[in-house]
Amino acid sequence: MSMQVEKLEKGMAKLTIEVSAEKFNDAMKAAYKKSVGKINVPGFRRGKAPMSVIEKMYGADIFYEDAANIIIPEAYEEEVEASDVEPVARPNVDVVQIEKGKSFIFTATVAIKPEVTLGKYTGVEVEALSAEVSDDDIMEELKAEQEKNASMVTVEDRAAENGDTVTIDFEGFVDGEAFEGGKGTDYPLVLGSHSFIDTFEEQLEGKNTGEETDVNVTFPEDYQAAELAGKPALFKVTIKKIEKKILPDIDDELAQDVSEFDTLDEYKADIKAKLLEKKEKENRAKKEDAVIEQIIEGAEMEIADDMVTAQTENMLREFAQNIQMQGISIEQYMQFTGNTAQGMMEQMKPQALKRIQSRLVLEAVAEAENIDVSDEETTEKIEQIAKSYGMEADKLKDTIGEKEMEQIKADIKVEKAVEFVTDSAVEK
């Protein structure tokens, strides 16, 4: 078996792989065993006709497609692993020669990992970022805790006001007909939240508990339900309950209720320290992004469209898995948003390209700086991964194959490269 590599434009390569006649003959025999039970040959019980008889009756090419499907994946993987070619997408395969008694030849046109020529990557200038925490920042956190610890009190002596939560029954009508999804019972609605269309909420202000009222609104022109878009609607609404939010005072008592501290001043100091740590982490991430962006701009690399497509598909799969964990299928998500898989991939392409560029330049930096990974660092990384999956590190390590271990080490190298270029950057 042999392979010839022809570099093409735009990060593509054409791999011509030749498989010996002997190996192709083995694949033909495997194809025969796979399909003999489906071939009807007069004079033989189904599945018992010799290969030679079938070939004489139908021609040897009856087994070509199955033989090719058997031999191509194995030959492709074997030749690629033995070479320095790094495919980064699925190959497009074409059969060049297929004939019994001759070598089997096919081509695989595939996007390959591009070579990267780095520009400046040390001493990159970036804007200095402040990590100061203001009194307003602290107050914002305190108000958030205040909101979390608010209580709801039923209002009976006045009408509904902006900010109140009203519990309502409602039913919507367009052209005098009730429409699907336009009915609700015991629905809690915060007036002023703008969670309902048009002026729906404003029209409930001034209404009392037990009151029935008509609310007239118009659906937006871009409303997701096309049959309702732009149409006027009448909602018949009953106010069943009015509640107002009571906020606790921001004082020592609140501090004691929501933290381990006895006084508000101690609690504020703790909030300040945590906010400062958070801002420092955010600034570090922004600095990393700014440095990598400049390194990308100064580097030269030719990235194949197929590589971007493969990355985009991976990102879409990741997104689908993440929302599935929240109990929503990707099909449901697309139905809710009116989007399509193709549309989502188009939206993700710029981010996919950026991911590829970032990874490539950081791998190039790691190679240029001879960044290595110790056994201790690898073990620590495996422990982190195991913790994120709720597994024991030793059990996870037993399941990790050679390829997965190499990927983990490559990821650590990239992380160390990020740290290297960021630490060497100059703030201005």
Protein backbone atom coordinates (compact mmCIF):
# COMPACT_ATOMS: atom_id res chain seq x y z
CA MET A 1 0.00 0.00 0.00
CA SER A 2 1.27 3.49 -0.80
CA MET A 3 0.15 7.12 -0.74
CA GLN A 4 1.08 10.18 -2.75
CA VAL A 5 0.28 13.66 -1.43
CA GLU A 6 -0.46 16.61 -3.69
CA LYS A 7 -0.88 19.97 -1.94
CA LEU A 8 -3.70 22.02 -3.44
CA GLU A 9 -4.77 25.63 -2.94
CA LYS A 10 -6.71 26.94 0.07
CA GLY A 11 -5.41 24.41 2.58
CA MET A 12 -6.54 21.33 0.65
CA ALA A 13 -4.61 18.21 -0.32
CA LYS A 14 -5.23 15.34 -2.70
CA LEU A 15 -4.17 11.96 -1.34
CA THR A 16 -3.77 9.19 -3.91
CA ILE A 17 -3.79 5.82 -2.17
CA GLU A 18 -2.98 2.54 -3.89
CA VAL A 19 -3.95 -0.77 -2.31
CA SER A 20 -2.36 -4.02 -3.51
CA ALA A 21 -4.33 -6.43 -5.67
CA GLU A 22 -4.00 -9.01 -2.89
CA LYS A 23 -5.63 -6.76 -0.29
CA PHE A 24 -8.32 -5.74 -2.73
CA ASN A 25 -9.01 -9.42 -3.38
CA ASP A 26 -9.46 -9.93 0.39
CA ALA A 27 -11.97 -7.06 0.39
CA MET A 28 -13.81 -8.71 -2.53
CA LYS A 29 -14.06 -11.94 -0.52
CA ALA A 30 -15.41 -9.99 2.46
CA ALA A 31 -17.94 -8.31 0.19
CA TYR A 32 -18.99 -11.72 -1.13
CA LYS A 33 -19.57 -13.04 2.43
CA LYS A 34 -21.58 -9.94 3.25
CA SER A 35 -23.94 -10.16 0.29
CA VAL A 36 -24.07 -13.81 -0.79
CA GLY A 37 -27.20 -14.41 1.27
CA LYS A 38 -29.06 -11.74 -0.73
CA ILE A 39 -28.15 -13.06 -4.19
CA ASN A 40 -30.39 -15.58 -5.91
CA VAL A 41 -28.50 -18.14 -8.08
CA PRO A 42 -30.48 -20.94 -9.79
CA GLY A 43 -29.39 -24.38 -8.62
CA PHE A 44 -28.03 -23.18 -5.28
CA ARG A 45 -29.65 -22.61 -1.93
CA ARG A 46 -29.61 -18.94 -0.92
CA GLY A 47 -26.26 -18.10 0.62
CA LYS A 48 -24.49 -21.20 -0.75
CA ALA A 49 -23.52 -20.11 -4.27
CA PRO A 50 -19.73 -19.96 -4.77
CA MET A 51 -18.17 -16.56 -5.43
CA SER A 52 -16.91 -17.67 -8.86
CA VAL A 53 -20.40 -18.73 -9.97
CA ILE A 54 -21.92 -15.39 -8.90
CA GLU A 55 -19.17 -13.46 -10.70
CA LYS A 56 -19.70 -15.51 -13.85
CA MET A 57 -23.45 -14.89 -13.78
CA TYR A 58 -23.50 -11.22 -12.70
CA GLY A 59 -19.94 -10.02 -13.28
CA ALA A 60 -17.20 -9.37 -10.71
CA ASP A 61 -18.35 -5.75 -10.38
CA ILE A 62 -21.33 -6.97 -8.33
CA PHE A 63 -18.96 -6.91 -5.34
CA TYR A 64 -17.03 -3.72 -6.21
CA GLU A 65 -19.08 -1.21 -4.22
CA ASP A 66 -19.07 -3.26 -1.00
CA ALA A 67 -15.38 -4.06 -1.43
CA ALA A 68 -14.56 -0.38 -1.87
CA ASN A 69 -16.59 0.54 1.21
CA ILE A 70 -14.71 -2.10 3.20
CA ILE A 71 -11.21 -1.16 2.10
CA ILE A 72 -11.32 2.66 1.80
CA PRO A 73 -11.77 3.60 5.50
CA GLU A 74 -9.10 1.15 6.63
CA ALA A 75 -6.58 2.13 3.94
CA TYR A 76 -7.22 5.86 4.43
CA GLU A 77 -6.72 5.72 8.19
CA GLU A 78 -3.64 3.52 7.95
CA GLU A 79 -1.87 5.68 5.35
CA VAL A 80 -2.73 8.98 7.04
CA GLU A 81 -1.46 7.74 10.42
CA ALA A 82 1.82 6.67 8.83
CA SER A 83 2.30 10.09 7.19
CA ASP A 84 2.76 13.66 8.42
CA VAL A 85 -0.55 14.72 6.84
CA GLU A 86 -3.16 16.00 9.35
CA PRO A 87 -6.68 15.96 7.88
CA VAL A 88 -9.09 18.33 9.64
CA ALA A 89 -12.35 17.44 7.87
CA ARG A 90 -14.08 14.54 6.17
CA PRO A 91 -12.46 13.60 2.83
CA ASN A 92 -14.17 13.56 -0.56
CA VAL A 93 -13.34 10.17 -2.05
CA ASP A 94 -13.15 9.20 -5.73
CA VAL A 95 -12.31 5.73 -7.03
CA VAL A 96 -9.66 5.87 -9.75
CA GLN A 97 -9.13 2.17 -10.46
CA ILE A 98 -11.23 -0.79 -9.40
CA GLU A 99 -10.84 -4.10 -11.19
CA LYS A 100 -10.41 -7.64 -9.96
CA GLY A 101 -6.80 -8.80 -10.11
CA LYS A 102 -5.43 -5.25 -10.12
CA SER A 103 -4.44 -2.83 -7.40
CA PHE A 104 -7.24 -0.64 -6.07
CA ILE A 105 -6.60 3.11 -6.39
CA PHE A 106 -8.64 5.95 -4.92
CA THR A 107 -8.14 9.63 -4.15
CA ALA A 108 -9.18 11.50 -1.02
CA THR A 109 -9.40 15.27 -1.33
CA VAL A 110 -9.36 16.70 2.15
CA ALA A 111 -8.74 19.86 4.15
CA ILE A 112 -5.44 19.56 6.04
CA LYS A 113 -4.01 21.40 8.99
CA PRO A 114 -2.37 24.47 7.47
CA GLU A 115 1.16 25.64 8.09
CA VAL A 116 1.35 28.79 10.19
CA THR A 117 3.94 31.53 9.75
CA LEU A 118 4.00 33.57 12.93
CA GLY A 119 4.59 37.29 13.04
CA LYS A 120 5.21 39.07 16.34
CA TYR A 121 3.89 37.10 19.29
CA THR A 122 5.95 38.34 22.26
CA GLY A 123 5.76 41.85 23.65
CA VAL A 124 2.44 42.52 21.97
CA GLU A 125 1.00 45.86 23.08
CA VAL A 126 -2.48 45.86 24.58
CA GLU A 127 -4.62 48.42 26.36
CA ALA A 128 -4.33 48.41 30.16
CA LEU A 129 -7.61 47.64 31.91
CA SER A 130 -8.70 48.87 35.32
CA ALA A 131 -9.96 46.44 37.95
CA GLU A 132 -11.32 49.04 40.34
CA VAL A 133 -14.53 48.38 42.25
CA SER A 134 -16.74 51.40 42.87
CA ASP A 135 -19.34 52.04 45.57
CA ASP A 136 -21.96 51.79 42.82
CA ASP A 137 -20.72 48.28 41.95
CA ILE A 138 -21.09 47.22 45.58
CA MET A 139 -24.55 48.78 45.83
CA GLU A 140 -25.64 46.94 42.68
CA GLU A 141 -24.73 43.63 44.33
CA LEU A 142 -26.53 44.62 47.51
CA LYS A 143 -29.65 45.54 45.55
CA ALA A 144 -29.53 42.17 43.81
CA GLU A 145 -29.51 40.44 47.21
CA GLN A 146 -32.28 42.77 48.32
CA GLU A 147 -34.37 41.64 45.34
CA LYS A 148 -33.67 37.97 46.05
CA ASN A 149 -34.91 38.36 49.59
CA ALA A 150 -37.99 40.41 48.78
CA SER A 151 -41.39 39.25 49.95
CA MET A 152 -44.71 39.48 48.12
CA VAL A 153 -47.70 40.98 49.91
CA THR A 154 -51.27 40.81 48.62
CA VAL A 155 -52.78 44.25 47.90
CA GLU A 156 -56.48 44.71 48.68
CA ASP A 157 -56.88 48.44 49.29
CA ARG A 158 -55.80 49.87 45.94
CA ALA A 159 -55.63 49.29 42.19
CA ALA A 160 -52.71 47.70 40.35
CA GLU A 161 -49.61 49.82 39.82
CA ASN A 162 -46.45 49.58 37.75
CA GLY A 163 -44.14 47.05 39.45
CA ASP A 164 -46.95 45.00 40.97
CA THR A 165 -47.44 41.34 40.13
CA VAL A 166 -50.97 40.62 38.99
CA THR A 167 -52.38 37.11 38.69
CA ILE A 168 -54.70 37.01 35.70
CA ASP A 169 -56.90 34.81 33.54
CA PHE A 170 -56.97 35.89 29.91
CA GLU A 171 -58.16 34.85 26.48
CA GLY A 172 -57.21 36.49 23.20
CA PHE A 173 -59.33 37.01 20.08
CA VAL A 174 -58.43 38.09 16.55
CA ASP A 175 -61.31 39.03 14.24
CA GLY A 176 -63.66 37.75 16.92
CA GLU A 177 -62.12 34.27 16.97
CA ALA A 178 -60.05 32.80 19.82
CA PHE A 179 -56.55 31.91 18.61
CA GLU A 180 -54.23 29.08 19.63
CA GLY A 181 -51.89 29.92 22.52
CA GLY A 182 -53.90 33.01 23.45
CA LYS A 183 -55.41 31.66 26.67
CA GLY A 184 -53.97 31.52 30.16
CA THR A 185 -55.12 30.80 33.70
CA ASP A 186 -53.59 32.03 36.98
CA TYR A 187 -50.82 33.69 35.03
CA PRO A 188 -48.46 35.87 37.15
CA LEU A 189 -47.51 39.05 35.25
CA VAL A 190 -45.17 41.76 36.50
CA LEU A 191 -46.51 45.11 35.31
CA GLY A 192 -43.74 47.04 33.61
CA SER A 193 -41.73 43.93 32.73
CA HIS A 194 -42.69 44.24 29.05
CA SER A 195 -43.07 40.47 28.83
CA PHE A 196 -46.43 40.86 27.05
CA ILE A 197 -46.89 42.56 23.69
CA ASP A 198 -47.62 46.20 22.96
CA THR A 199 -49.43 48.09 25.78
CA PHE A 200 -50.99 45.02 27.40
CA GLU A 201 -49.43 45.63 30.83
CA GLU A 202 -50.06 49.38 30.89
CA GLN A 203 -53.78 48.77 30.34
CA LEU A 204 -53.96 46.70 33.53
CA GLU A 205 -52.67 49.54 35.68
CA GLY A 206 -55.52 51.11 37.65
CA LYS A 207 -57.56 47.90 37.64
CA ASN A 208 -58.75 46.28 40.87
CA THR A 209 -58.87 42.71 42.13
CA GLY A 210 -61.88 40.87 40.68
CA GLU A 211 -62.26 43.34 37.84
CA GLU A 212 -62.82 42.12 34.29
CA THR A 213 -61.44 44.29 31.51
CA ASP A 214 -60.81 44.32 27.77
CA VAL A 215 -57.25 44.91 26.59
CA ASN A 216 -56.70 46.00 23.00
CA VAL A 217 -53.26 45.46 21.45
CA THR A 218 -51.62 44.96 18.06
CA PHE A 219 -49.20 42.13 17.35
CA PRO A 220 -45.79 43.23 16.01
CA GLU A 221 -45.21 42.93 12.27
CA ASP A 222 -42.35 40.51 12.92
CA TYR A 223 -44.29 38.36 15.39
CA GLN A 224 -43.16 34.71 15.28
CA ALA A 225 -46.68 33.42 14.56
CA ALA A 226 -47.16 34.65 11.00
CA GLU A 227 -50.95 34.33 11.15
CA LEU A 228 -51.02 36.92 13.97
CA ALA A 229 -48.29 39.29 12.80
CA GLY A 230 -49.46 42.89 12.51
CA LYS A 231 -53.06 42.10 13.51
CA PRO A 232 -55.11 43.85 16.22
CA ALA A 233 -56.28 41.61 19.06
CA LEU A 234 -58.70 41.81 21.97
CA PHE A 235 -57.86 40.11 25.26
CA LYS A 236 -60.54 39.54 27.88
CA VAL A 237 -58.72 39.71 31.21
CA THR A 238 -59.76 39.02 34.80
CA ILE A 239 -57.61 40.41 37.64
CA LYS A 240 -57.56 37.67 40.27
CA LYS A 241 -54.88 38.98 42.62
CA ILE A 242 -52.57 41.97 43.04
CA GLU A 243 -49.28 41.66 44.90
CA LYS A 244 -46.59 44.19 45.69
CA LYS A 245 -42.95 43.53 46.39
CA ILE A 246 -41.59 44.44 49.82
CA LEU A 247 -37.83 44.89 49.85
CA PRO A 248 -35.82 44.38 53.05
CA ASP A 249 -33.65 47.24 54.28
CA ILE A 250 -29.99 47.13 53.33
CA ASP A 251 -28.59 46.88 56.84
CA ASP A 252 -26.84 44.58 59.29
CA GLU A 253 -29.87 42.31 59.44
CA LEU A 254 -29.77 41.70 55.67
CA ALA A 255 -26.03 41.00 55.90
CA GLN A 256 -26.68 38.42 58.62
CA ASP A 257 -29.46 36.77 56.58
CA VAL A 258 -27.52 36.41 53.33
CA SER A 259 -23.91 36.00 54.47
CA GLU A 260 -21.63 34.77 57.22
CA PHE A 261 -21.02 38.32 58.46
CA ASP A 262 -22.59 40.18 61.37
CA THR A 263 -22.37 43.70 59.98
CA LEU A 264 -23.13 45.38 56.68
CA ASP A 265 -19.62 46.87 56.55
CA GLU A 266 -18.03 43.42 56.77
CA TYR A 267 -20.39 42.15 54.09
CA LYS A 268 -19.53 45.10 51.83
CA ALA A 269 -15.82 44.42 52.24
CA ASP A 270 -16.37 40.80 51.22
CA ILE A 271 -18.44 41.87 48.20
CA LYS A 272 -15.67 44.27 47.17
CA ALA A 273 -12.99 41.57 47.41
CA LYS A 274 -15.04 39.12 45.33
CA LEU A 275 -15.92 41.75 42.73
CA LEU A 276 -12.25 42.71 42.46
CA GLU A 277 -11.28 39.08 41.90
CA LYS A 278 -14.03 38.72 39.29
CA LYS A 279 -12.95 41.87 37.43
CA GLU A 280 -9.31 40.78 37.47
CA LYS A 281 -10.30 37.46 35.89
CA GLU A 282 -12.45 39.23 33.29
CA ASN A 283 -9.61 41.63 32.48
CA ARG A 284 -7.19 38.73 32.14
CA ALA A 285 -9.57 37.06 29.68
CA LYS A 286 -9.94 40.32 27.72
CA LYS A 287 -6.16 40.72 27.66
CA GLU A 288 -5.74 37.17 26.38
CA ASP A 289 -8.31 37.79 23.63
CA ALA A 290 -6.63 41.06 22.60
CA VAL A 291 -3.17 39.46 22.47
CA ILE A 292 -4.35 36.45 20.46
CA GLU A 293 -6.25 38.75 18.08
CA GLN A 294 -3.05 40.65 17.30
CA ILE A 295 -1.04 37.45 16.87
CA ILE A 296 -3.65 36.18 14.40
CA GLU A 297 -3.48 39.46 12.45
CA GLY A 298 0.30 39.15 12.19
CA ALA A 299 0.32 35.48 11.19
CA GLU A 300 -0.04 33.86 7.79
CA MET A 301 -2.14 30.72 7.29
CA GLU A 302 -4.44 29.35 4.63
CA ILE A 303 -7.57 27.78 6.10
CA ALA A 304 -9.76 25.56 3.95
CA ASP A 305 -13.51 26.18 3.81
CA ASP A 306 -14.04 22.51 4.70
CA MET A 307 -12.09 23.05 7.93
CA VAL A 308 -14.39 25.93 8.90
CA THR A 309 -17.45 23.85 8.01
CA ALA A 310 -16.24 20.95 10.16
CA GLN A 311 -15.63 23.29 13.11
CA THR A 312 -19.06 24.88 12.64
CA GLU A 313 -20.72 21.46 12.66
CA ASN A 314 -18.90 20.62 15.90
CA MET A 315 -20.09 23.88 17.46
CA LEU A 316 -23.67 23.16 16.43
CA ARG A 317 -23.43 19.71 18.02
CA GLU A 318 -22.03 21.27 21.21
CA PHE A 319 -24.89 23.77 21.27
CA ALA A 320 -27.46 21.00 20.76
CA GLN A 321 -25.95 18.98 23.62
CA ASN A 322 -25.96 22.00 25.94
CA ILE A 323 -29.60 22.88 25.37
CA GLN A 324 -30.54 19.19 25.57
CA MET A 325 -29.20 19.28 29.14
CA GLN A 326 -31.75 22.04 29.78
CA GLY A 327 -34.54 19.82 28.49
CA ILE A 328 -34.86 21.39 25.03
CA SER A 329 -34.11 19.52 21.82
CA ILE A 330 -32.42 21.28 18.93
CA GLU A 331 -35.58 20.71 16.88
CA GLN A 332 -37.68 22.47 19.53
CA TYR A 333 -35.18 25.33 19.73
CA MET A 334 -35.31 25.86 15.96
CA GLN A 335 -39.11 25.76 16.06
CA PHE A 336 -39.22 28.38 18.84
CA THR A 337 -36.71 30.70 17.16
CA GLY A 338 -37.75 30.12 13.55
CA ASN A 339 -34.14 29.25 12.73
CA THR A 340 -32.68 26.35 10.73
CA ALA A 341 -29.56 24.26 11.15
CA GLN A 342 -28.08 25.90 8.04
CA GLY A 343 -28.98 29.35 9.35
CA MET A 344 -27.40 28.64 12.73
CA MET A 345 -24.23 27.37 11.05
CA GLU A 346 -23.97 30.57 9.00
CA GLN A 347 -24.24 32.58 12.22
CA MET A 348 -21.57 30.43 13.87
CA LYS A 349 -19.04 30.56 11.01
CA PRO A 350 -17.18 33.73 12.12
CA GLN A 351 -16.74 32.29 15.61
CA ALA A 352 -15.69 28.94 14.13
CA LEU A 353 -13.01 30.64 12.02
CA LYS A 354 -11.77 32.55 15.07
CA ARG A 355 -11.51 29.32 17.07
CA ILE A 356 -9.46 27.71 14.32
CA GLN A 357 -7.15 30.70 13.93
CA SER A 358 -6.61 30.96 17.69
CA ARG A 359 -5.80 27.27 18.04
CA LEU A 360 -3.41 27.29 15.09
CA VAL A 361 -1.36 30.30 16.19
CA LEU A 362 -1.18 29.06 19.79
CA GLU A 363 0.00 25.63 18.64
CA ALA A 364 2.61 27.41 16.52
CA VAL A 365 3.74 29.46 19.53
CA ALA A 366 4.01 26.29 21.64
CA GLU A 367 6.19 24.71 18.97
CA ALA A 368 8.34 27.82 18.49
CA GLU A 369 8.94 28.12 22.24
CA ASN A 370 9.45 24.36 22.74
CA ILE A 371 6.67 24.31 25.32
CA ASP A 372 6.48 20.89 26.91
CA VAL A 373 4.05 19.15 29.24
CA SER A 374 5.09 17.29 32.37
CA ASP A 375 3.49 14.13 33.73
CA GLU A 376 2.34 16.13 36.75
CA GLU A 377 0.55 18.66 34.53
CA THR A 378 -1.12 15.87 32.58
CA THR A 379 -2.27 14.17 35.78
CA GLU A 380 -3.63 17.47 37.12
CA LYS A 381 -5.56 18.05 33.89
CA ILE A 382 -7.07 14.57 34.00
CA GLU A 383 -8.13 15.20 37.61
CA GLN A 384 -9.84 18.43 36.50
CA ILE A 385 -11.67 16.63 33.70
CA ALA A 386 -12.69 13.80 36.02
CA LYS A 387 -14.05 16.28 38.56
CA SER A 388 -16.15 18.02 35.91
CA TYR A 389 -17.74 14.66 35.02
CA GLY A 390 -18.09 13.49 38.62
CA MET A 391 -15.65 10.64 38.05
CA GLU A 392 -12.61 9.29 39.85
CA ALA A 393 -9.39 10.34 38.11
CA ASP A 394 -7.94 6.81 38.10
CA LYS A 395 -11.05 5.38 36.45
CA LEU A 396 -11.03 8.12 33.81
CA LYS A 397 -7.33 7.56 33.12
CA ASP A 398 -8.02 3.87 32.47
CA THR A 399 -10.53 4.79 29.75
CA ILE A 400 -8.27 7.31 27.98
CA GLY A 401 -6.66 5.97 24.82
CA GLU A 402 -3.40 7.06 23.24
CA LYS A 403 -5.08 9.57 20.91
CA GLU A 404 -7.12 11.10 23.72
CA MET A 405 -3.99 11.41 25.88
CA GLU A 406 -2.16 13.20 23.06
CA GLN A 407 -5.13 15.56 22.70
CA ILE A 408 -5.04 16.36 26.42
CA LYS A 409 -1.33 17.14 26.22
CA ALA A 410 -1.92 19.31 23.14
CA ASP A 411 -4.63 21.23 25.02
CA ILE A 412 -2.25 21.84 27.93
CA LYS A 413 0.40 23.14 25.53
CA VAL A 414 -2.13 25.59 24.10
CA GLU A 415 -3.11 26.75 27.60
CA LYS A 416 0.56 27.31 28.44
CA ALA A 417 1.04 29.19 25.17
CA VAL A 418 -1.86 31.49 26.08
CA GLU A 419 -0.23 32.18 29.43
CA PHE A 420 3.18 32.78 27.78
CA VAL A 421 2.02 35.32 25.19
CA THR A 422 -0.26 37.10 27.68
CA ASP A 423 2.45 37.41 30.33
CA SER A 424 4.88 38.78 27.73
CA ALA A 425 2.38 41.40 26.47
CA VAL A 426 3.00 45.07 27.20
CA GLU A 427 0.15 47.13 28.64
CA LYS A 428 -0.10 50.71 27.43
